[in-house]
Amino acid sequence: MSVKELIWLFKGVMGENAYQQYLDHHASTHSSEAPMTERQFWRDKTDRQDANPEGRCC
């Protein structure tokens, strides 16, 4: 496994690439609407996790 693949895997496990995944999904399904900014995305993600905490360990 290359270093680039390890970095990609680590970012996936840590959730760092969630915004890029959101952008990719948004572009393919909601192309007529503007996507959330990265700041808005992380705020929304945090708010949803706080509202539904059973999916987290802590």
N, C-alpha and C. Protein backbone atom coordinates (compact mmCIF):
# COMPACT_ATOMS: atom_id res chain seq x y z
N MET A 1 0.86 -1.18 0.00
CA MET A 1 0.00 0.00 0.00
C MET A 1 0.90 1.23 0.00
N SER A 2 0.59 2.17 -0.86
CA SER A 2 1.40 3.37 -0.97
C SER A 2 1.07 4.36 0.16
N VAL A 3 1.93 5.34 0.32
CA VAL A 3 1.71 6.37 1.33
C VAL A 3 0.44 7.16 1.02
N LYS A 4 0.22 7.44 -0.25
CA LYS A 4 -0.98 8.18 -0.66
C LYS A 4 -2.24 7.41 -0.29
N GLU A 5 -2.23 6.10 -0.49
CA GLU A 5 -3.38 5.26 -0.12
C GLU A 5 -3.59 5.22 1.39
N LEU A 6 -2.51 5.17 2.14
CA LEU A 6 -2.60 5.18 3.61
C LEU A 6 -3.18 6.50 4.12
N ILE A 7 -2.76 7.58 3.53
CA ILE A 7 -3.29 8.90 3.92
C ILE A 7 -4.78 8.97 3.61
N TRP A 8 -5.17 8.49 2.42
CA TRP A 8 -6.58 8.48 2.03
C TRP A 8 -7.40 7.63 3.02
N LEU A 9 -6.88 6.47 3.38
CA LEU A 9 -7.56 5.58 4.33
C LEU A 9 -7.68 6.23 5.70
N PHE A 10 -6.61 6.82 6.19
CA PHE A 10 -6.62 7.48 7.49
C PHE A 10 -7.63 8.62 7.53
N LYS A 11 -7.65 9.42 6.48
CA LYS A 11 -8.61 10.53 6.42
C LYS A 11 -10.04 10.02 6.39
N GLY A 12 -10.26 8.90 5.71
CA GLY A 12 -11.59 8.31 5.68
C GLY A 12 -12.04 7.82 7.04
N VAL A 13 -11.15 7.18 7.76
CA VAL A 13 -11.46 6.67 9.10
C VAL A 13 -11.71 7.83 10.06
N MET A 14 -10.95 8.88 9.94
CA MET A 14 -11.08 10.02 10.84
C MET A 14 -12.21 10.98 10.43
N GLY A 15 -12.75 10.80 9.26
CA GLY A 15 -13.85 11.65 8.80
C GLY A 15 -13.43 12.94 8.15
N GLU A 16 -12.13 13.08 7.91
CA GLU A 16 -11.62 14.32 7.31
C GLU A 16 -12.13 14.56 5.90
N ASN A 17 -12.42 13.48 5.18
CA ASN A 17 -12.84 13.65 3.80
C ASN A 17 -14.37 13.75 3.67
N ALA A 18 -15.08 13.93 4.76
CA ALA A 18 -16.55 13.99 4.73
C ALA A 18 -17.03 15.17 3.88
N TYR A 19 -16.36 16.30 3.97
CA TYR A 19 -16.80 17.46 3.20
C TYR A 19 -16.63 17.21 1.70
N GLN A 20 -15.51 16.60 1.32
CA GLN A 20 -15.30 16.30 -0.09
C GLN A 20 -16.32 15.29 -0.58
N GLN A 21 -16.67 14.32 0.23
CA GLN A 21 -17.71 13.36 -0.14
C GLN A 21 -19.05 14.07 -0.30
N TYR A 22 -19.34 15.00 0.59
CA TYR A 22 -20.56 15.79 0.48
C TYR A 22 -20.59 16.56 -0.84
N LEU A 23 -19.46 17.21 -1.18
CA LEU A 23 -19.40 17.98 -2.43
C LEU A 23 -19.61 17.08 -3.65
N ASP A 24 -19.00 15.91 -3.63
CA ASP A 24 -19.15 14.97 -4.74
C ASP A 24 -20.60 14.54 -4.88
N HIS A 25 -21.22 14.21 -3.76
CA HIS A 25 -22.63 13.79 -3.77
C HIS A 25 -23.52 14.95 -4.22
N HIS A 26 -23.27 16.12 -3.69
CA HIS A 26 -24.08 17.29 -4.03
C HIS A 26 -24.00 17.60 -5.52
N ALA A 27 -22.82 17.51 -6.08
CA ALA A 27 -22.64 17.80 -7.50
C ALA A 27 -23.41 16.82 -8.38
N SER A 28 -23.52 15.58 -7.92
CA SER A 28 -24.20 14.58 -8.75
C SER A 28 -25.72 14.56 -8.54
N THR A 29 -26.21 15.10 -7.44
CA THR A 29 -27.64 15.00 -7.16
C THR A 29 -28.36 16.34 -7.03
N HIS A 30 -27.66 17.39 -6.66
CA HIS A 30 -28.28 18.69 -6.42
C HIS A 30 -27.55 19.79 -7.18
N SER A 31 -27.23 19.55 -8.42
CA SER A 31 -26.35 20.47 -9.15
C SER A 31 -26.94 21.86 -9.35
N SER A 32 -28.25 22.03 -9.23
CA SER A 32 -28.83 23.36 -9.44
C SER A 32 -28.74 24.24 -8.19
N GLU A 33 -28.45 23.65 -7.05
CA GLU A 33 -28.34 24.40 -5.80
C GLU A 33 -26.87 24.58 -5.43
N ALA A 34 -26.57 25.68 -4.76
CA ALA A 34 -25.20 25.90 -4.28
C ALA A 34 -24.94 25.01 -3.06
N PRO A 35 -23.77 24.39 -2.98
CA PRO A 35 -23.47 23.55 -1.82
C PRO A 35 -23.18 24.41 -0.59
N MET A 36 -23.27 23.79 0.57
CA MET A 36 -22.90 24.48 1.80
C MET A 36 -21.40 24.77 1.77
N THR A 37 -21.02 25.83 2.45
CA THR A 37 -19.58 26.08 2.62
C THR A 37 -19.04 25.01 3.56
N GLU A 38 -17.74 24.90 3.62
CA GLU A 38 -17.15 23.90 4.52
C GLU A 38 -17.53 24.18 5.97
N ARG A 39 -17.53 25.44 6.35
CA ARG A 39 -17.92 25.82 7.72
C ARG A 39 -19.38 25.44 8.00
N GLN A 40 -20.27 25.73 7.05
CA GLN A 40 -21.68 25.36 7.22
C GLN A 40 -21.84 23.85 7.30
N PHE A 41 -21.09 23.12 6.48
CA PHE A 41 -21.17 21.66 6.48
C PHE A 41 -20.81 21.08 7.84
N TRP A 42 -19.68 21.51 8.40
CA TRP A 42 -19.24 20.96 9.69
C TRP A 42 -20.19 21.37 10.82
N ARG A 43 -20.73 22.58 10.75
CA ARG A 43 -21.71 23.02 11.77
C ARG A 43 -22.96 22.14 11.70
N ASP A 44 -23.45 21.90 10.48
CA ASP A 44 -24.62 21.06 10.28
C ASP A 44 -24.36 19.64 10.76
N LYS A 45 -23.21 19.10 10.42
CA LYS A 45 -22.84 17.73 10.84
C LYS A 45 -22.79 17.63 12.35
N THR A 46 -22.18 18.60 13.00
CA THR A 46 -22.09 18.61 14.46
C THR A 46 -23.47 18.74 15.09
N ASP A 47 -24.30 19.62 14.55
CA ASP A 47 -25.66 19.79 15.08
C ASP A 47 -26.47 18.50 14.96
N ARG A 48 -26.35 17.80 13.81
CA ARG A 48 -27.07 16.55 13.63
C ARG A 48 -26.57 15.48 14.60
N GLN A 49 -25.26 15.44 14.85
CA GLN A 49 -24.71 14.47 15.81
C GLN A 49 -25.18 14.78 17.22
N ASP A 50 -25.25 16.06 17.58
CA ASP A 50 -25.72 16.44 18.91
C ASP A 50 -27.19 16.11 19.10
N ALA A 51 -27.98 16.24 18.04
CA ALA A 51 -29.39 15.93 18.11
C ALA A 51 -29.67 14.43 18.14
N ASN A 52 -28.73 13.64 17.65
CA ASN A 52 -28.91 12.21 17.58
C ASN A 52 -27.63 11.51 18.07
N PRO A 53 -27.35 11.56 19.38
CA PRO A 53 -26.05 11.09 19.90
C PRO A 53 -25.87 9.58 19.97
N GLU A 54 -26.88 8.76 19.70
CA GLU A 54 -26.70 7.32 19.86
C GLU A 54 -25.71 6.72 18.89
N GLY A 55 -25.36 7.44 17.82
CA GLY A 55 -24.40 6.92 16.87
C GLY A 55 -22.95 7.11 17.28
N ARG A 56 -22.72 7.77 18.40
CA ARG A 56 -21.34 8.03 18.84
C ARG A 56 -21.04 7.27 20.12
N CYS A 57 -19.78 7.06 20.37
CA CYS A 57 -19.38 6.32 21.57
C CYS A 57 -19.30 7.23 22.80
N CYS A 58 -19.11 8.53 22.61
CA CYS A 58 -18.88 9.41 23.77
C CYS A 58 -19.88 10.54 23.85
